[in-house]
Amino acid sequence: LLRSHGMATLTYDRFQGHASGYDVVALGYNYRSDEIHSAIGLCQLRKLDSFNSRRRELFRKYCEELEGSDRVQVPFRHRDISQSTCHIMSVLLTRDALKVRQRLREAGVQTSKHYDLIPSFGNYRDSSFKNSVEGLENLLTLPLYPSLSEENISYIVKTING
């Protein structure tokens, strides 16, 4: 239903004479992939295992480089990541968060903050969320992608540590 505008009957079924009309029974989207995008997706899937393996290597490199830093903690650094995709490199800045962010920006290192809490988004600010988590302003997501070099990681960590 989601992939085809929430329609209960597919176009192909109508074409084959199995149905003469359709009903929209849910909110849906146009998630039907065309041939070009499907071909690109299949090519990318062939790279998935090597990309994930490389991300795990880079995660370990970050952990190694950040070992002993008094400015950064790496959440879940001691977990078994053998099956992880390591799709983001989130860290917790333990001090000087604003200064670290500014230094990284000035050094040309793009960072972000992934997965903010729902109450921080405009549509939900006036809602009645009763719990809050302190310290979220100290979360930072560092660059992590398969072609990132280990030299870049060293540069990023050096910039963080000032």
N, C-alpha and C. Protein backbone atom coordinates (compact mmCIF):
# COMPACT_ATOMS: atom_id res chain seq x y z
N LEU A 1 0.81 -1.20 0.00
CA LEU A 1 0.00 0.00 0.00
C LEU A 1 0.86 1.27 0.00
N LEU A 2 1.92 1.26 0.81
CA LEU A 2 2.75 2.46 0.91
C LEU A 2 3.43 2.80 -0.40
N ARG A 3 3.85 1.80 -1.17
CA ARG A 3 4.64 2.06 -2.37
C ARG A 3 3.81 2.57 -3.53
N SER A 4 2.49 2.44 -3.44
CA SER A 4 1.65 2.78 -4.59
C SER A 4 0.46 3.65 -4.19
N HIS A 5 0.77 4.78 -3.58
CA HIS A 5 -0.24 5.80 -3.25
C HIS A 5 -1.37 5.29 -2.36
N GLY A 6 -1.17 4.19 -1.65
CA GLY A 6 -2.21 3.66 -0.79
C GLY A 6 -3.34 2.97 -1.51
N MET A 7 -3.12 2.65 -2.80
CA MET A 7 -4.16 2.01 -3.60
C MET A 7 -4.27 0.53 -3.27
N ALA A 8 -5.52 0.08 -3.10
CA ALA A 8 -5.76 -1.31 -2.75
C ALA A 8 -5.61 -2.25 -3.94
N THR A 9 -5.69 -1.72 -5.17
CA THR A 9 -5.56 -2.53 -6.38
C THR A 9 -4.43 -1.96 -7.24
N LEU A 10 -3.56 -2.81 -7.70
CA LEU A 10 -2.44 -2.37 -8.51
C LEU A 10 -2.85 -2.12 -9.96
N THR A 11 -2.13 -1.23 -10.63
CA THR A 11 -2.39 -0.93 -12.03
C THR A 11 -2.32 -2.19 -12.88
N TYR A 12 -1.34 -3.06 -12.61
CA TYR A 12 -1.17 -4.28 -13.39
C TYR A 12 -2.39 -5.19 -13.25
N ASP A 13 -2.94 -5.27 -12.03
CA ASP A 13 -4.14 -6.08 -11.83
C ASP A 13 -5.31 -5.54 -12.65
N ARG A 14 -5.44 -4.24 -12.70
CA ARG A 14 -6.51 -3.64 -13.50
C ARG A 14 -6.27 -3.91 -14.98
N PHE A 15 -5.02 -3.80 -15.42
CA PHE A 15 -4.66 -4.06 -16.81
C PHE A 15 -4.99 -5.50 -17.20
N GLN A 16 -4.75 -6.44 -16.31
CA GLN A 16 -5.00 -7.86 -16.57
C GLN A 16 -6.48 -8.22 -16.48
N GLY A 17 -7.31 -7.26 -16.06
CA GLY A 17 -8.73 -7.52 -15.97
C GLY A 17 -9.16 -8.12 -14.64
N HIS A 18 -8.26 -8.18 -13.69
CA HIS A 18 -8.59 -8.74 -12.37
C HIS A 18 -9.37 -7.75 -11.51
N ALA A 19 -9.35 -6.50 -11.90
CA ALA A 19 -10.10 -5.46 -11.18
C ALA A 19 -10.41 -4.34 -12.16
N SER A 20 -11.50 -3.65 -11.92
CA SER A 20 -11.86 -2.57 -12.84
C SER A 20 -11.60 -1.19 -12.25
N GLY A 21 -11.41 -1.11 -10.97
CA GLY A 21 -11.15 0.18 -10.33
C GLY A 21 -10.20 0.01 -9.17
N TYR A 22 -10.12 1.05 -8.40
CA TYR A 22 -9.24 0.98 -7.24
C TYR A 22 -9.79 1.86 -6.14
N ASP A 23 -9.32 1.62 -4.94
CA ASP A 23 -9.66 2.43 -3.79
C ASP A 23 -8.36 2.83 -3.10
N VAL A 24 -8.31 4.03 -2.59
CA VAL A 24 -7.17 4.48 -1.80
C VAL A 24 -7.56 4.29 -0.34
N VAL A 25 -6.90 3.32 0.32
CA VAL A 25 -7.30 2.93 1.67
C VAL A 25 -6.33 3.41 2.75
N ALA A 26 -5.21 4.02 2.34
CA ALA A 26 -4.22 4.50 3.31
C ALA A 26 -3.39 5.60 2.66
N LEU A 27 -2.76 6.39 3.50
CA LEU A 27 -1.81 7.36 2.99
C LEU A 27 -0.67 6.60 2.35
N GLY A 28 -0.32 6.93 1.12
CA GLY A 28 0.73 6.21 0.44
C GLY A 28 1.62 7.14 -0.35
N TYR A 29 2.61 6.58 -0.99
CA TYR A 29 3.63 7.33 -1.72
C TYR A 29 3.88 6.65 -3.06
N ASN A 30 4.75 7.22 -3.85
CA ASN A 30 5.14 6.61 -5.12
C ASN A 30 6.54 6.02 -4.95
N TYR A 31 6.62 4.85 -4.34
CA TYR A 31 7.89 4.19 -4.08
C TYR A 31 8.20 3.11 -5.09
N ARG A 32 7.62 3.19 -6.26
CA ARG A 32 7.91 2.20 -7.28
C ARG A 32 9.18 2.64 -8.00
N SER A 33 10.14 1.78 -8.00
CA SER A 33 11.44 2.10 -8.59
C SER A 33 11.42 1.84 -10.10
N ASP A 34 12.07 2.73 -10.86
CA ASP A 34 12.19 2.50 -12.29
C ASP A 34 13.44 1.66 -12.56
N GLU A 35 13.64 1.29 -13.81
CA GLU A 35 14.73 0.38 -14.17
C GLU A 35 16.11 0.98 -13.88
N ILE A 36 16.30 2.25 -14.20
CA ILE A 36 17.62 2.89 -13.98
C ILE A 36 17.97 2.89 -12.50
N HIS A 37 17.05 3.33 -11.65
CA HIS A 37 17.32 3.36 -10.22
C HIS A 37 17.48 1.96 -9.64
N SER A 38 16.76 1.01 -10.16
CA SER A 38 16.92 -0.38 -9.73
C SER A 38 18.30 -0.91 -10.10
N ALA A 39 18.77 -0.59 -11.30
CA ALA A 39 20.10 -1.03 -11.74
C ALA A 39 21.19 -0.42 -10.86
N ILE A 40 21.05 0.87 -10.56
CA ILE A 40 22.02 1.53 -9.68
C ILE A 40 21.99 0.87 -8.30
N GLY A 41 20.80 0.61 -7.80
CA GLY A 41 20.66 -0.04 -6.49
C GLY A 41 21.32 -1.41 -6.45
N LEU A 42 21.15 -2.20 -7.51
CA LEU A 42 21.79 -3.52 -7.55
C LEU A 42 23.30 -3.41 -7.56
N CYS A 43 23.83 -2.44 -8.31
CA CYS A 43 25.29 -2.22 -8.32
C CYS A 43 25.79 -1.81 -6.94
N GLN A 44 25.05 -0.93 -6.28
CA GLN A 44 25.45 -0.48 -4.94
C GLN A 44 25.38 -1.63 -3.93
N LEU A 45 24.38 -2.50 -4.06
CA LEU A 45 24.27 -3.63 -3.14
C LEU A 45 25.49 -4.55 -3.21
N ARG A 46 26.10 -4.65 -4.37
CA ARG A 46 27.32 -5.48 -4.51
C ARG A 46 28.46 -4.92 -3.67
N LYS A 47 28.43 -3.64 -3.37
CA LYS A 47 29.49 -2.98 -2.60
C LYS A 47 29.19 -2.95 -1.10
N LEU A 48 28.00 -3.35 -0.71
CA LEU A 48 27.54 -3.16 0.66
C LEU A 48 28.46 -3.81 1.70
N ASP A 49 28.83 -5.06 1.50
CA ASP A 49 29.68 -5.74 2.48
C ASP A 49 31.02 -5.05 2.65
N SER A 50 31.64 -4.65 1.55
CA SER A 50 32.94 -3.98 1.66
C SER A 50 32.79 -2.59 2.27
N PHE A 51 31.71 -1.88 1.95
CA PHE A 51 31.47 -0.57 2.56
C PHE A 51 31.29 -0.70 4.07
N ASN A 52 30.49 -1.68 4.50
CA ASN A 52 30.26 -1.86 5.93
C ASN A 52 31.54 -2.29 6.64
N SER A 53 32.33 -3.13 6.01
CA SER A 53 33.60 -3.55 6.59
C SER A 53 34.53 -2.35 6.77
N ARG A 54 34.58 -1.49 5.75
CA ARG A 54 35.42 -0.30 5.82
C ARG A 54 34.93 0.66 6.93
N ARG A 55 33.63 0.80 7.07
CA ARG A 55 33.10 1.66 8.12
C ARG A 55 33.48 1.13 9.50
N ARG A 56 33.47 -0.20 9.68
CA ARG A 56 33.90 -0.77 10.96
C ARG A 56 35.37 -0.48 11.22
N GLU A 57 36.20 -0.57 10.19
CA GLU A 57 37.62 -0.23 10.34
C GLU A 57 37.79 1.22 10.77
N LEU A 58 37.04 2.10 10.14
CA LEU A 58 37.16 3.53 10.45
C LEU A 58 36.63 3.83 11.86
N PHE A 59 35.56 3.16 12.27
CA PHE A 59 35.06 3.31 13.63
C PHE A 59 36.15 2.93 14.63
N ARG A 60 36.79 1.80 14.38
CA ARG A 60 37.88 1.36 15.27
C ARG A 60 39.04 2.36 15.28
N LYS A 61 39.34 2.93 14.11
CA LYS A 61 40.41 3.93 14.02
C LYS A 61 40.05 5.16 14.85
N TYR A 62 38.82 5.64 14.74
CA TYR A 62 38.38 6.76 15.57
C TYR A 62 38.56 6.42 17.05
N CYS A 63 38.10 5.24 17.46
CA CYS A 63 38.21 4.83 18.87
C CYS A 63 39.66 4.82 19.32
N GLU A 64 40.53 4.29 18.48
CA GLU A 64 41.96 4.25 18.79
C GLU A 64 42.52 5.66 18.94
N GLU A 65 42.19 6.53 18.01
CA GLU A 65 42.71 7.90 18.03
C GLU A 65 42.14 8.71 19.19
N LEU A 66 40.90 8.42 19.58
CA LEU A 66 40.25 9.17 20.65
C LEU A 66 40.54 8.61 22.04
N GLU A 67 41.21 7.47 22.10
CA GLU A 67 41.55 6.85 23.38
C GLU A 67 42.31 7.85 24.24
N GLY A 68 41.83 8.04 25.45
CA GLY A 68 42.51 8.93 26.38
C GLY A 68 42.17 10.40 26.23
N SER A 69 41.36 10.76 25.26
CA SER A 69 40.97 12.16 25.09
C SER A 69 40.09 12.59 26.26
N ASP A 70 40.38 13.76 26.81
CA ASP A 70 39.55 14.26 27.90
C ASP A 70 38.39 15.10 27.37
N ARG A 71 38.25 15.20 26.06
CA ARG A 71 37.18 16.00 25.45
C ARG A 71 36.06 15.15 24.85
N VAL A 72 36.31 13.87 24.64
CA VAL A 72 35.36 13.05 23.87
C VAL A 72 35.18 11.68 24.51
N GLN A 73 33.92 11.25 24.53
CA GLN A 73 33.59 9.86 24.86
C GLN A 73 32.91 9.25 23.64
N VAL A 74 33.22 8.01 23.35
CA VAL A 74 32.59 7.30 22.24
C VAL A 74 31.58 6.31 22.82
N PRO A 75 30.29 6.62 22.68
CA PRO A 75 29.28 5.68 23.19
C PRO A 75 29.40 4.32 22.50
N PHE A 76 29.20 3.28 23.25
CA PHE A 76 29.17 1.90 22.75
C PHE A 76 30.49 1.45 22.13
N ARG A 77 31.58 2.09 22.46
CA ARG A 77 32.87 1.76 21.85
C ARG A 77 33.31 0.33 22.16
N HIS A 78 32.83 -0.24 23.25
CA HIS A 78 33.27 -1.59 23.64
C HIS A 78 32.31 -2.69 23.17
N ARG A 79 31.30 -2.32 22.42
CA ARG A 79 30.38 -3.33 21.91
C ARG A 79 31.00 -4.08 20.74
N ASP A 80 30.51 -5.28 20.53
CA ASP A 80 30.93 -6.08 19.38
C ASP A 80 30.31 -5.45 18.13
N ILE A 81 31.16 -4.95 17.22
CA ILE A 81 30.63 -4.31 16.01
C ILE A 81 30.81 -5.17 14.78
N SER A 82 31.07 -6.45 14.98
CA SER A 82 31.34 -7.32 13.84
C SER A 82 30.18 -7.40 12.85
N GLN A 83 28.97 -7.15 13.30
CA GLN A 83 27.81 -7.18 12.41
C GLN A 83 27.20 -5.79 12.21
N SER A 84 27.83 -4.77 12.77
CA SER A 84 27.29 -3.42 12.70
C SER A 84 27.59 -2.77 11.35
N THR A 85 26.72 -1.86 10.95
CA THR A 85 26.99 -1.08 9.74
C THR A 85 27.83 0.15 10.07
N CYS A 86 27.89 0.52 11.35
CA CYS A 86 28.62 1.73 11.76
C CYS A 86 28.29 2.89 10.82
N HIS A 87 27.01 3.16 10.68
CA HIS A 87 26.59 4.15 9.69
C HIS A 87 26.82 5.59 10.14
N ILE A 88 26.97 5.84 11.44
CA ILE A 88 27.35 7.18 11.89
C ILE A 88 28.38 7.06 13.00
N MET A 89 29.13 8.14 13.20
CA MET A 89 30.15 8.18 14.26
C MET A 89 29.76 9.28 15.23
N SER A 90 28.87 8.93 16.15
CA SER A 90 28.44 9.90 17.15
C SER A 90 29.35 9.83 18.36
N VAL A 91 29.69 11.00 18.86
CA VAL A 91 30.52 11.10 20.06
C VAL A 91 29.85 12.06 21.03
N LEU A 92 30.28 11.99 22.27
CA LEU A 92 29.80 12.89 23.30
C LEU A 92 30.97 13.78 23.71
N LEU A 93 30.81 15.08 23.50
CA LEU A 93 31.84 16.03 23.89
C LEU A 93 31.69 16.28 25.38
N THR A 94 32.76 16.05 26.13
CA THR A 94 32.69 16.14 27.59
C THR A 94 33.00 17.53 28.11
N ARG A 95 33.60 18.37 27.27
CA ARG A 95 33.85 19.76 27.66
C ARG A 95 34.13 20.60 26.42
N ASP A 96 33.92 21.89 26.54
CA ASP A 96 34.19 22.84 25.46
C ASP A 96 33.46 22.50 24.17
N ALA A 97 32.22 22.05 24.27
CA ALA A 97 31.48 21.60 23.09
C ALA A 97 31.39 22.68 22.02
N LEU A 98 31.06 23.89 22.40
CA LEU A 98 30.93 24.96 21.41
C LEU A 98 32.27 25.27 20.74
N LYS A 99 33.33 25.28 21.53
CA LYS A 99 34.66 25.55 20.97
C LYS A 99 35.09 24.44 20.00
N VAL A 100 34.82 23.21 20.37
CA VAL A 100 35.19 22.08 19.51
C VAL A 100 34.42 22.16 18.19
N ARG A 101 33.14 22.41 18.25
CA ARG A 101 32.33 22.54 17.03
C ARG A 101 32.87 23.65 16.14
N GLN A 102 33.19 24.78 16.75
CA GLN A 102 33.71 25.92 15.99
C GLN A 102 35.06 25.59 15.35
N ARG A 103 35.94 24.94 16.10
CA ARG A 103 37.25 24.55 15.56
C ARG A 103 37.10 23.61 14.37
N LEU A 104 36.21 22.65 14.50
CA LEU A 104 35.98 21.71 13.40
C LEU A 104 35.44 22.44 12.18
N ARG A 105 34.49 23.34 12.39
CA ARG A 105 33.92 24.11 11.28
C ARG A 105 35.00 24.94 10.58
N GLU A 106 35.83 25.62 11.38
CA GLU A 106 36.91 26.45 10.82
C GLU A 106 37.95 25.60 10.09
N ALA A 107 38.10 24.33 10.50
CA ALA A 107 39.06 23.43 9.87
C ALA A 107 38.47 22.74 8.64
N GLY A 108 37.23 23.08 8.32
CA GLY A 108 36.60 22.49 7.13
C GLY A 108 36.02 21.11 7.34
N VAL A 109 35.78 20.74 8.60
CA VAL A 109 35.23 19.42 8.91
C VAL A 109 33.73 19.57 9.14
N GLN A 110 32.94 18.94 8.29
CA GLN A 110 31.49 19.00 8.43
C GLN A 110 31.04 18.02 9.51
N THR A 111 30.28 18.52 10.46
CA THR A 111 29.72 17.67 11.51
C THR A 111 28.23 17.93 11.56
N SER A 112 27.55 17.13 12.34
CA SER A 112 26.11 17.31 12.52
C SER A 112 25.72 16.71 13.84
N LYS A 113 24.44 16.68 14.09
CA LYS A 113 23.89 16.02 15.27
C LYS A 113 22.73 15.18 14.78
N HIS A 114 22.88 13.88 14.80
CA HIS A 114 21.84 12.99 14.31
C HIS A 114 20.83 12.67 15.39
N TYR A 115 19.62 12.41 14.94
CA TYR A 115 18.57 11.85 15.77
C TYR A 115 18.29 12.68 17.02
N ASP A 116 17.92 13.93 16.80
CA ASP A 116 17.52 14.78 17.91
C ASP A 116 16.22 14.25 18.50
N LEU A 117 15.92 14.69 19.71
CA LEU A 117 14.67 14.27 20.35
C LEU A 117 13.48 14.95 19.70
N ILE A 118 12.37 14.25 19.64
CA ILE A 118 11.15 14.77 19.02
C ILE A 118 10.75 16.13 19.56
N PRO A 119 10.81 16.37 20.89
CA PRO A 119 10.37 17.69 21.39
C PRO A 119 11.21 18.86 20.87
N SER A 120 12.34 18.61 20.26
CA SER A 120 13.17 19.71 19.77
C SER A 120 12.71 20.19 18.39
N PHE A 121 11.82 19.47 17.74
CA PHE A 121 11.33 19.86 16.42
C PHE A 121 10.11 20.76 16.54
N GLY A 122 10.03 21.75 15.67
CA GLY A 122 9.00 22.78 15.73
C GLY A 122 7.59 22.27 15.88
N ASN A 123 7.25 21.21 15.19
CA ASN A 123 5.88 20.70 15.23
C ASN A 123 5.51 20.16 16.61
N TYR A 124 6.49 19.85 17.44
CA TYR A 124 6.22 19.19 18.72
C TYR A 124 6.64 20.01 19.93
N ARG A 125 7.16 21.22 19.72
CA ARG A 125 7.69 22.00 20.84
C ARG A 125 6.63 22.33 21.89
N ASP A 126 5.39 22.48 21.50
CA ASP A 126 4.35 22.85 22.45
C ASP A 126 3.63 21.63 23.03
N SER A 127 4.13 20.45 22.74
CA SER A 127 3.46 19.25 23.25
C SER A 127 3.85 19.01 24.71
N SER A 128 3.26 18.03 25.29
CA SER A 128 3.44 17.81 26.72
C SER A 128 4.42 16.69 27.03
N PHE A 129 5.58 16.71 26.37
CA PHE A 129 6.61 15.73 26.71
C PHE A 129 7.10 16.04 28.11
N LYS A 130 7.09 15.07 28.97
CA LYS A 130 7.45 15.31 30.36
C LYS A 130 8.91 15.01 30.66
N ASN A 131 9.53 14.15 29.87
CA ASN A 131 10.92 13.77 30.12
C ASN A 131 11.83 14.54 29.19
N SER A 132 13.01 14.87 29.68
CA SER A 132 14.01 15.50 28.83
C SER A 132 15.35 14.86 29.15
N VAL A 133 16.25 14.95 28.21
CA VAL A 133 17.57 14.39 28.39
C VAL A 133 18.56 15.54 28.37
N GLU A 134 19.27 15.69 29.47
CA GLU A 134 20.26 16.76 29.53
C GLU A 134 21.52 16.34 28.81
N GLY A 135 22.21 17.31 28.27
CA GLY A 135 23.48 17.04 27.65
C GLY A 135 23.44 16.72 26.17
N LEU A 136 22.25 16.72 25.58
CA LEU A 136 22.17 16.39 24.17
C LEU A 136 22.89 17.41 23.30
N GLU A 137 23.06 18.63 23.80
CA GLU A 137 23.79 19.62 23.03
C GLU A 137 25.27 19.24 22.88
N ASN A 138 25.71 18.25 23.64
CA ASN A 138 27.10 17.79 23.56
C ASN A 138 27.29 16.62 22.62
N LEU A 139 26.21 16.17 21.98
CA LEU A 139 26.34 15.10 20.99
C LEU A 139 26.85 15.68 19.68
N LEU A 140 27.69 14.94 19.01
CA LEU A 140 28.26 15.39 17.75
C LEU A 140 28.48 14.17 16.86
N THR A 141 28.12 14.29 15.60
CA THR A 141 28.35 13.22 14.64
C THR A 141 29.51 13.63 13.73
N LEU A 142 30.53 12.82 13.74
CA LEU A 142 31.74 13.07 12.95
C LEU A 142 31.63 12.39 11.59
N PRO A 143 32.40 12.84 10.62
CA PRO A 143 32.37 12.21 9.29
C PRO A 143 32.72 10.71 9.37
N LEU A 144 31.97 9.90 8.66
CA LEU A 144 32.24 8.47 8.56
C LEU A 144 31.62 7.96 7.27
N TYR A 145 32.46 7.64 6.31
CA TYR A 145 32.02 7.12 5.02
C TYR A 145 33.16 6.27 4.46
N PRO A 146 32.84 5.30 3.60
CA PRO A 146 33.85 4.32 3.17
C PRO A 146 35.13 4.90 2.58
N SER A 147 35.07 6.03 1.90
CA SER A 147 36.29 6.57 1.28
C SER A 147 37.04 7.54 2.20
N LEU A 148 36.57 7.71 3.43
CA LEU A 148 37.28 8.55 4.39
C LEU A 148 38.65 7.93 4.68
N SER A 149 39.68 8.73 4.65
CA SER A 149 41.02 8.20 4.89
C SER A 149 41.36 8.21 6.37
N GLU A 150 42.27 7.35 6.76
CA GLU A 150 42.72 7.33 8.14
C GLU A 150 43.47 8.61 8.49
N GLU A 151 44.10 9.23 7.49
CA GLU A 151 44.76 10.51 7.71
C GLU A 151 43.74 11.58 8.06
N ASN A 152 42.57 11.53 7.40
CA ASN A 152 41.50 12.48 7.73
C ASN A 152 41.02 12.28 9.16
N ILE A 153 40.92 11.04 9.59
CA ILE A 153 40.49 10.79 10.97
C ILE A 153 41.50 11.38 11.94
N SER A 154 42.78 11.19 11.67
CA SER A 154 43.81 11.77 12.53
C SER A 154 43.69 13.30 12.58
N TYR A 155 43.43 13.91 11.43
CA TYR A 155 43.26 15.35 11.35
C TYR A 155 42.05 15.80 12.18
N ILE A 156 40.94 15.08 12.05
CA ILE A 156 39.72 15.41 12.78
C ILE A 156 39.95 15.31 14.28
N VAL A 157 40.58 14.23 14.71
CA VAL A 157 40.83 14.03 16.15
C VAL A 157 41.79 15.09 16.67
N LYS A 158 42.82 15.41 15.89
CA LYS A 158 43.76 16.46 16.30
C LYS A 158 43.03 17.79 16.44
N THR A 159 42.11 18.07 15.55
CA THR A 159 41.33 19.31 15.61
C THR A 159 40.44 19.32 16.85
N ILE A 160 39.83 18.19 17.17
CA ILE A 160 38.98 18.09 18.35
C ILE A 160 39.79 18.37 19.62
N ASN A 161 40.95 17.74 19.69
CA ASN A 161 41.77 17.86 20.90
C ASN A 161 42.50 19.18 21.01
N GLY A 162 42.47 19.97 19.93
CA GLY A 162 43.05 21.30 19.95
C GLY A 162 44.53 21.26 20.13
